[in-house]
Amino acid sequence: MEKKKMMQIIDEEKLPVNLFGDHKLQPFEVVLKQDEDGFHIFSTSEKAGIQGVTSNFINEREAFDRLVYKARLMKENYHQEK
């Protein structure tokens, strides 16, 4: 997906994401970082540490698709009222 569409989904669905280090790592969010090797996506734990596997992408659209997918799961599992 394109960046504009990704940003719209994040905003409308209030997904727990940290794009390109725009704020300090928070508990239970999905992080997207970019460097010369491409795009890197990972989740944070309850103590805001890196949790699980970091997914690496060269293709921007694939990275944005994966980010939205993981953020929806994170919201469903950790940010819904019980």
PDB file of N, CA and C in Angstrom:
ATOM      1  N   MET A   1       0.838  -1.170   0.000  1.00  0.00           N
ATOM      2  CA  MET A   1       0.000   0.000   0.000  1.00  0.00           C
ATOM      3  C   MET A   1       0.883   1.234   0.000  1.00  0.00           C
ATOM      4  N   GLU A   2       0.327   2.329  -0.394  1.00  0.00           N
ATOM      5  CA  GLU A   2       1.070   3.579  -0.440  1.00  0.00           C
ATOM      6  C   GLU A   2       1.098   4.233   0.942  1.00  0.00           C
ATOM      7  N   LYS A   3       2.082   5.075   1.151  1.00  0.00           N
ATOM      8  CA  LYS A   3       2.262   5.713   2.459  1.00  0.00           C
ATOM      9  C   LYS A   3       1.027   6.513   2.869  1.00  0.00           C
ATOM     10  N   LYS A   4       0.429   7.243   1.938  1.00  0.00           N
ATOM     11  CA  LYS A   4      -0.747   8.050   2.255  1.00  0.00           C
ATOM     12  C   LYS A   4      -1.892   7.164   2.769  1.00  0.00           C
ATOM     13  N   LYS A   5      -2.115   6.029   2.132  1.00  0.00           N
ATOM     14  CA  LYS A   5      -3.163   5.101   2.547  1.00  0.00           C
ATOM     15  C   LYS A   5      -2.845   4.522   3.924  1.00  0.00           C
ATOM     16  N   MET A   6      -1.573   4.144   4.143  1.00  0.00           N
ATOM     17  CA  MET A   6      -1.160   3.614   5.437  1.00  0.00           C
ATOM     18  C   MET A   6      -1.440   4.633   6.544  1.00  0.00           C
ATOM     19  N   MET A   7      -1.074   5.873   6.323  1.00  0.00           N
ATOM     20  CA  MET A   7      -1.272   6.916   7.328  1.00  0.00           C
ATOM     21  C   MET A   7      -2.766   7.122   7.613  1.00  0.00           C
ATOM     22  N   GLN A   8      -3.586   7.042   6.586  1.00  0.00           N
ATOM     23  CA  GLN A   8      -5.027   7.191   6.749  1.00  0.00           C
ATOM     24  C   GLN A   8      -5.590   6.057   7.613  1.00  0.00           C
ATOM     25  N   ILE A   9      -5.178   4.821   7.342  1.00  0.00           N
ATOM     26  CA  ILE A   9      -5.642   3.667   8.118  1.00  0.00           C
ATOM     27  C   ILE A   9      -5.203   3.782   9.569  1.00  0.00           C
ATOM     28  N   ILE A  10      -3.950   4.136   9.789  1.00  0.00           N
ATOM     29  CA  ILE A  10      -3.429   4.282  11.154  1.00  0.00           C
ATOM     30  C   ILE A  10      -4.251   5.310  11.924  1.00  0.00           C
ATOM     31  N   ASP A  11      -4.533   6.424  11.288  1.00  0.00           N
ATOM     32  CA  ASP A  11      -5.287   7.488  11.928  1.00  0.00           C
ATOM     33  C   ASP A  11      -6.732   7.082  12.194  1.00  0.00           C
ATOM     34  N   GLU A  12      -7.399   6.549  11.187  1.00  0.00           N
ATOM     35  CA  GLU A  12      -8.812   6.180  11.319  1.00  0.00           C
ATOM     36  C   GLU A  12      -9.034   5.054  12.328  1.00  0.00           C
ATOM     37  N   GLU A  13      -8.143   4.068  12.317  1.00  0.00           N
ATOM     38  CA  GLU A  13      -8.303   2.916  13.205  1.00  0.00           C
ATOM     39  C   GLU A  13      -7.577   3.084  14.536  1.00  0.00           C
ATOM     40  N   LYS A  14      -6.876   4.199  14.688  1.00  0.00           N
ATOM     41  CA  LYS A  14      -6.118   4.484  15.912  1.00  0.00           C
ATOM     42  C   LYS A  14      -5.205   3.311  16.276  1.00  0.00           C
ATOM     43  N   LEU A  15      -4.384   2.939  15.297  1.00  0.00           N
ATOM     44  CA  LEU A  15      -3.491   1.798  15.482  1.00  0.00           C
ATOM     45  C   LEU A  15      -2.274   2.186  16.306  1.00  0.00           C
ATOM     46  N   PRO A  16      -1.793   1.283  17.154  1.00  0.00           N
ATOM     47  CA  PRO A  16      -0.643   1.558  18.021  1.00  0.00           C
ATOM     48  C   PRO A  16       0.682   1.393  17.267  1.00  0.00           C
ATOM     49  N   VAL A  17       1.132   2.461  16.640  1.00  0.00           N
ATOM     50  CA  VAL A  17       2.364   2.395  15.854  1.00  0.00           C
ATOM     51  C   VAL A  17       3.325   3.516  16.227  1.00  0.00           C
ATOM     52  N   ASN A  18       4.569   3.282  15.915  1.00  0.00           N
ATOM     53  CA  ASN A  18       5.638   4.261  16.067  1.00  0.00           C
ATOM     54  C   ASN A  18       6.334   4.301  14.715  1.00  0.00           C
ATOM     55  N   LEU A  19       6.081   5.346  13.952  1.00  0.00           N
ATOM     56  CA  LEU A  19       6.634   5.463  12.610  1.00  0.00           C
ATOM     57  C   LEU A  19       7.954   6.203  12.618  1.00  0.00           C
ATOM     58  N   PHE A  20       8.984   5.536  12.159  1.00  0.00           N
ATOM     59  CA  PHE A  20      10.294   6.140  11.958  1.00  0.00           C
ATOM     60  C   PHE A  20      10.823   6.830  13.223  1.00  0.00           C
ATOM     61  N   GLY A  21      10.497   6.265  14.395  1.00  0.00           N
ATOM     62  CA  GLY A  21      10.993   6.809  15.658  1.00  0.00           C
ATOM     63  C   GLY A  21      10.383   8.141  16.024  1.00  0.00           C
ATOM     64  N   ASP A  22       9.100   8.354  15.677  1.00  0.00           N
ATOM     65  CA  ASP A  22       8.476   9.649  15.949  1.00  0.00           C
ATOM     66  C   ASP A  22       8.215   9.909  17.434  1.00  0.00           C
ATOM     67  N   HIS A  23       8.353   8.878  18.260  1.00  0.00           N
ATOM     68  CA  HIS A  23       8.270   9.051  19.710  1.00  0.00           C
ATOM     69  C   HIS A  23       9.042   7.910  20.387  1.00  0.00           C
ATOM     70  N   LYS A  24       9.260   8.065  21.680  1.00  0.00           N
ATOM     71  CA  LYS A  24       9.943   7.045  22.481  1.00  0.00           C
ATOM     72  C   LYS A  24       9.135   5.756  22.442  1.00  0.00           C
ATOM     73  N   LEU A  25       9.808   4.613  22.439  1.00  0.00           N
ATOM     74  CA  LEU A  25       9.103   3.336  22.398  1.00  0.00           C
ATOM     75  C   LEU A  25       8.123   3.219  23.554  1.00  0.00           C
ATOM     76  N   GLN A  26       6.918   2.746  23.240  1.00  0.00           N
ATOM     77  CA  GLN A  26       5.847   2.569  24.207  1.00  0.00           C
ATOM     78  C   GLN A  26       5.498   1.085  24.294  1.00  0.00           C
ATOM     79  N   PRO A  27       4.865   0.668  25.380  1.00  0.00           N
ATOM     80  CA  PRO A  27       4.432  -0.730  25.471  1.00  0.00           C
ATOM     81  C   PRO A  27       3.398  -1.071  24.390  1.00  0.00           C
ATOM     82  N   PHE A  28       3.501  -2.277  23.901  1.00  0.00           N
ATOM     83  CA  PHE A  28       2.533  -2.841  22.959  1.00  0.00           C
ATOM     84  C   PHE A  28       2.241  -1.939  21.759  1.00  0.00           C
ATOM     85  N   GLU A  29       3.266  -1.667  20.999  1.00  0.00           N
ATOM     86  CA  GLU A  29       3.097  -0.958  19.738  1.00  0.00           C
ATOM     87  C   GLU A  29       3.932  -1.641  18.664  1.00  0.00           C
ATOM     88  N   VAL A  30       3.660  -1.294  17.427  1.00  0.00           N
ATOM     89  CA  VAL A  30       4.414  -1.821  16.294  1.00  0.00           C
ATOM     90  C   VAL A  30       5.273  -0.682  15.762  1.00  0.00           C
ATOM     91  N   VAL A  31       6.547  -0.969  15.560  1.00  0.00           N
ATOM     92  CA  VAL A  31       7.518   0.058  15.195  1.00  0.00           C
ATOM     93  C   VAL A  31       7.995  -0.163  13.762  1.00  0.00           C
ATOM     94  N   LEU A  32       8.068   0.923  13.004  1.00  0.00           N
ATOM     95  CA  LEU A  32       8.625   0.912  11.655  1.00  0.00           C
ATOM     96  C   LEU A  32       9.845   1.819  11.647  1.00  0.00           C
ATOM     97  N   LYS A  33      10.980   1.231  11.307  1.00  0.00           N
ATOM     98  CA  LYS A  33      12.215   1.999  11.171  1.00  0.00           C
ATOM     99  C   LYS A  33      12.733   1.820   9.753  1.00  0.00           C
ATOM    100  N   GLN A  34      13.514   2.789   9.299  1.00  0.00           N
ATOM    101  CA  GLN A  34      14.103   2.712   7.968  1.00  0.00           C
ATOM    102  C   GLN A  34      15.564   3.112   8.051  1.00  0.00           C
ATOM    103  N   ASP A  35      16.400   2.375   7.325  1.00  0.00           N
ATOM    104  CA  ASP A  35      17.804   2.725   7.190  1.00  0.00           C
ATOM    105  C   ASP A  35      18.257   2.354   5.783  1.00  0.00           C
ATOM    106  N   GLU A  36      19.550   2.385   5.546  1.00  0.00           N
ATOM    107  CA  GLU A  36      20.064   2.104   4.199  1.00  0.00           C
ATOM    108  C   GLU A  36      19.793   0.674   3.735  1.00  0.00           C
ATOM    109  N   ASP A  37      19.482  -0.227   4.653  1.00  0.00           N
ATOM    110  CA  ASP A  37      19.187  -1.616   4.298  1.00  0.00           C
ATOM    111  C   ASP A  37      17.704  -1.863   4.028  1.00  0.00           C
ATOM    112  N   GLY A  38      16.852  -0.893   4.277  1.00  0.00           N
ATOM    113  CA  GLY A  38      15.428  -1.052   4.020  1.00  0.00           C
ATOM    114  C   GLY A  38      14.574  -0.696   5.212  1.00  0.00           C
ATOM    115  N   PHE A  39      13.435  -1.374   5.316  1.00  0.00           N
ATOM    116  CA  PHE A  39      12.452  -1.122   6.356  1.00  0.00           C
ATOM    117  C   PHE A  39      12.464  -2.262   7.363  1.00  0.00           C
ATOM    118  N   HIS A  40      12.333  -1.924   8.645  1.00  0.00           N
ATOM    119  CA  HIS A  40      12.387  -2.915   9.713  1.00  0.00           C
ATOM    120  C   HIS A  40      11.163  -2.722  10.607  1.00  0.00           C
ATOM    121  N   ILE A  41      10.443  -3.818  10.849  1.00  0.00           N
ATOM    122  CA  ILE A  41       9.224  -3.765  11.649  1.00  0.00           C
ATOM    123  C   ILE A  41       9.362  -4.730  12.814  1.00  0.00           C
ATOM    124  N   PHE A  42       9.040  -4.233  14.004  1.00  0.00           N
ATOM    125  CA  PHE A  42       9.027  -5.084  15.188  1.00  0.00           C
ATOM    126  C   PHE A  42       7.963  -4.593  16.161  1.00  0.00           C
ATOM    127  N   SER A  43       7.638  -5.431  17.116  1.00  0.00           N
ATOM    128  CA  SER A  43       6.659  -5.099  18.154  1.00  0.00           C
ATOM    129  C   SER A  43       7.386  -4.852  19.464  1.00  0.00           C
ATOM    130  N   THR A  44       6.702  -4.163  20.371  1.00  0.00           N
ATOM    131  CA  THR A  44       7.266  -3.947  21.697  1.00  0.00           C
ATOM    132  C   THR A  44       6.450  -4.719  22.736  1.00  0.00           C
ATOM    133  N   SER A  45       7.106  -5.031  23.834  1.00  0.00           N
ATOM    134  CA  SER A  45       6.493  -5.778  24.936  1.00  0.00           C
ATOM    135  C   SER A  45       5.862  -4.817  25.943  1.00  0.00           C
ATOM    136  N   GLU A  46       5.387  -5.378  27.047  1.00  0.00           N
ATOM    137  CA  GLU A  46       4.770  -4.559  28.093  1.00  0.00           C
ATOM    138  C   GLU A  46       5.750  -3.579  28.733  1.00  0.00           C
ATOM    139  N   LYS A  47       7.045  -3.833  28.577  1.00  0.00           N
ATOM    140  CA  LYS A  47       8.057  -2.912  29.108  1.00  0.00           C
ATOM    141  C   LYS A  47       8.717  -2.106  27.995  1.00  0.00           C
ATOM    142  N   ALA A  48       8.087  -2.083  26.830  1.00  0.00           N
ATOM    143  CA  ALA A  48       8.543  -1.323  25.662  1.00  0.00           C
ATOM    144  C   ALA A  48       9.863  -1.834  25.091  1.00  0.00           C
ATOM    145  N   GLY A  49      10.187  -3.095  25.366  1.00  0.00           N
ATOM    146  CA  GLY A  49      11.367  -3.704  24.752  1.00  0.00           C
ATOM    147  C   GLY A  49      10.973  -4.414  23.470  1.00  0.00           C
ATOM    148  N   ILE A  50      11.947  -4.671  22.629  1.00  0.00           N
ATOM    149  CA  ILE A  50      11.679  -5.382  21.379  1.00  0.00           C
ATOM    150  C   ILE A  50      11.191  -6.782  21.698  1.00  0.00           C
ATOM    151  N   GLN A  51      10.106  -7.168  21.041  1.00  0.00           N
ATOM    152  CA  GLN A  51       9.472  -8.462  21.288  1.00  0.00           C
ATOM    153  C   GLN A  51       9.358  -9.212  19.960  1.00  0.00           C
ATOM    154  N   GLY A  52       9.726 -10.466  19.967  1.00  0.00           N
ATOM    155  CA  GLY A  52       9.541 -11.300  18.779  1.00  0.00           C
ATOM    156  C   GLY A  52      10.563 -11.037  17.690  1.00  0.00           C
ATOM    157  N   VAL A  53      10.145 -11.309  16.485  1.00  0.00           N
ATOM    158  CA  VAL A  53      11.019 -11.246  15.318  1.00  0.00           C
ATOM    159  C   VAL A  53      10.919  -9.877  14.657  1.00  0.00           C
ATOM    160  N   THR A  54      12.049  -9.370  14.181  1.00  0.00           N
ATOM    161  CA  THR A  54      12.048  -8.160  13.370  1.00  0.00           C
ATOM    162  C   THR A  54      11.923  -8.572  11.911  1.00  0.00           C
ATOM    163  N   SER A  55      10.915  -8.044  11.239  1.00  0.00           N
ATOM    164  CA  SER A  55      10.713  -8.315   9.814  1.00  0.00           C
ATOM    165  C   SER A  55      11.433  -7.237   9.025  1.00  0.00           C
ATOM    166  N   ASN A  56      12.149  -7.656   7.983  1.00  0.00           N
ATOM    167  CA  ASN A  56      12.915  -6.730   7.168  1.00  0.00           C
ATOM    168  C   ASN A  56      12.389  -6.735   5.739  1.00  0.00           C
ATOM    169  N   PHE A  57      12.268  -5.546   5.171  1.00  0.00           N
ATOM    170  CA  PHE A  57      11.728  -5.386   3.824  1.00  0.00           C
ATOM    171  C   PHE A  57      12.558  -4.388   3.032  1.00  0.00           C
ATOM    172  N   ILE A  58      12.677  -4.636   1.754  1.00  0.00           N
ATOM    173  CA  ILE A  58      13.266  -3.668   0.836  1.00  0.00           C
ATOM    174  C   ILE A  58      12.146  -2.880   0.163  1.00  0.00           C
ATOM    175  N   ASN A  59      11.038  -3.564  -0.104  1.00  0.00           N
ATOM    176  CA  ASN A  59       9.899  -2.968  -0.778  1.00  0.00           C
ATOM    177  C   ASN A  59       9.042  -2.182   0.217  1.00  0.00           C
ATOM    178  N   GLU A  60       8.864  -0.896  -0.047  1.00  0.00           N
ATOM    179  CA  GLU A  60       8.105  -0.010   0.836  1.00  0.00           C
ATOM    180  C   GLU A  60       6.652  -0.465   0.987  1.00  0.00           C
ATOM    181  N   ARG A  61       6.011  -0.825  -0.098  1.00  0.00           N
ATOM    182  CA  ARG A  61       4.600  -1.232  -0.043  1.00  0.00           C
ATOM    183  C   ARG A  61       4.412  -2.487   0.809  1.00  0.00           C
ATOM    184  N   GLU A  62       5.300  -3.453   0.671  1.00  0.00           N
ATOM    185  CA  GLU A  62       5.216  -4.667   1.488  1.00  0.00           C
ATOM    186  C   GLU A  62       5.397  -4.335   2.963  1.00  0.00           C
ATOM    187  N   ALA A  63       6.328  -3.440   3.257  1.00  0.00           N
ATOM    188  CA  ALA A  63       6.563  -3.035   4.647  1.00  0.00           C
ATOM    189  C   ALA A  63       5.320  -2.364   5.227  1.00  0.00           C
ATOM    190  N   PHE A  64       4.695  -1.482   4.467  1.00  0.00           N
ATOM    191  CA  PHE A  64       3.509  -0.782   4.955  1.00  0.00           C
ATOM    192  C   PHE A  64       2.347  -1.752   5.154  1.00  0.00           C
ATOM    193  N   ASP A  65       2.187  -2.719   4.247  1.00  0.00           N
ATOM    194  CA  ASP A  65       1.141  -3.735   4.401  1.00  0.00           C
ATOM    195  C   ASP A  65       1.344  -4.521   5.690  1.00  0.00           C
ATOM    196  N   ARG A  66       2.578  -4.958   5.932  1.00  0.00           N
ATOM    197  CA  ARG A  66       2.884  -5.754   7.120  1.00  0.00           C
ATOM    198  C   ARG A  66       2.686  -4.933   8.389  1.00  0.00           C
ATOM    199  N   LEU A  67       3.081  -3.664   8.355  1.00  0.00           N
ATOM    200  CA  LEU A  67       2.911  -2.791   9.515  1.00  0.00           C
ATOM    201  C   LEU A  67       1.441  -2.697   9.913  1.00  0.00           C
ATOM    202  N   VAL A  68       0.577  -2.443   8.960  1.00  0.00           N
ATOM    203  CA  VAL A  68      -0.849  -2.315   9.247  1.00  0.00           C
ATOM    204  C   VAL A  68      -1.398  -3.640   9.781  1.00  0.00           C
ATOM    205  N   TYR A  69      -1.008  -4.741   9.168  1.00  0.00           N
ATOM    206  CA  TYR A  69      -1.455  -6.065   9.616  1.00  0.00           C
ATOM    207  C   TYR A  69      -1.059  -6.308  11.077  1.00  0.00           C
ATOM    208  N   LYS A  70       0.215  -6.084  11.400  1.00  0.00           N
ATOM    209  CA  LYS A  70       0.692  -6.328  12.764  1.00  0.00           C
ATOM    210  C   LYS A  70       0.066  -5.349  13.766  1.00  0.00           C
ATOM    211  N   ALA A  71      -0.139  -4.110  13.348  1.00  0.00           N
ATOM    212  CA  ALA A  71      -0.733  -3.115  14.244  1.00  0.00           C
ATOM    213  C   ALA A  71      -2.187  -3.457  14.551  1.00  0.00           C
ATOM    214  N   ARG A  72      -2.906  -3.982  13.575  1.00  0.00           N
ATOM    215  CA  ARG A  72      -4.286  -4.407  13.829  1.00  0.00           C
ATOM    216  C   ARG A  72      -4.314  -5.550  14.837  1.00  0.00           C
ATOM    217  N   LEU A  73      -3.395  -6.497  14.693  1.00  0.00           N
ATOM    218  CA  LEU A  73      -3.312  -7.595  15.663  1.00  0.00           C
ATOM    219  C   LEU A  73      -2.950  -7.079  17.048  1.00  0.00           C
ATOM    220  N   MET A  74      -2.009  -6.180  17.115  1.00  0.00           N
ATOM    221  CA  MET A  74      -1.592  -5.610  18.404  1.00  0.00           C
ATOM    222  C   MET A  74      -2.768  -4.898  19.067  1.00  0.00           C
ATOM    223  N   LYS A  75      -3.500  -4.119  18.302  1.00  0.00           N
ATOM    224  CA  LYS A  75      -4.661  -3.411  18.864  1.00  0.00           C
ATOM    225  C   LYS A  75      -5.692  -4.413  19.363  1.00  0.00           C
ATOM    226  N   GLU A  76      -5.974  -5.428  18.581  1.00  0.00           N
ATOM    227  CA  GLU A  76      -6.971  -6.421  18.948  1.00  0.00           C
ATOM    228  C   GLU A  76      -6.570  -7.174  20.222  1.00  0.00           C
ATOM    229  N   ASN A  77      -5.297  -7.501  20.339  1.00  0.00           N
ATOM    230  CA  ASN A  77      -4.829  -8.322  21.465  1.00  0.00           C
ATOM    231  C   ASN A  77      -4.518  -7.521  22.729  1.00  0.00           C
ATOM    232  N   TYR A  78      -4.124  -6.263  22.599  1.00  0.00           N
ATOM    233  CA  TYR A  78      -3.645  -5.536  23.782  1.00  0.00           C
ATOM    234  C   TYR A  78      -4.310  -4.188  24.041  1.00  0.00           C
ATOM    235  N   HIS A  79      -5.095  -3.693  23.112  1.00  0.00           N
ATOM    236  CA  HIS A  79      -5.647  -2.363  23.287  1.00  0.00           C
ATOM    237  C   HIS A  79      -7.167  -2.310  23.294  1.00  0.00           C
ATOM    238  N   GLN A  80      -7.822  -3.438  23.294  1.00  0.00           N
ATOM    239  CA  GLN A  80      -9.291  -3.472  23.340  1.00  0.00           C
ATOM    240  C   GLN A  80      -9.749  -3.519  24.800  1.00  0.00           C
ATOM    241  N   GLU A  81     -10.826  -2.852  25.057  1.00  0.00           N
ATOM    242  CA  GLU A  81     -11.408  -2.902  26.398  1.00  0.00           C
ATOM    243  C   GLU A  81     -11.927  -4.303  26.660  1.00  0.00           C
ATOM    244  N   LYS A  82     -11.604  -4.857  27.803  1.00  0.00           N
ATOM    245  CA  LYS A  82     -12.032  -6.217  28.168  1.00  0.00           C
ATOM    246  C   LYS A  82     -13.342  -6.166  28.917  1.00  0.00           C
TER     247      LYS A  82
END
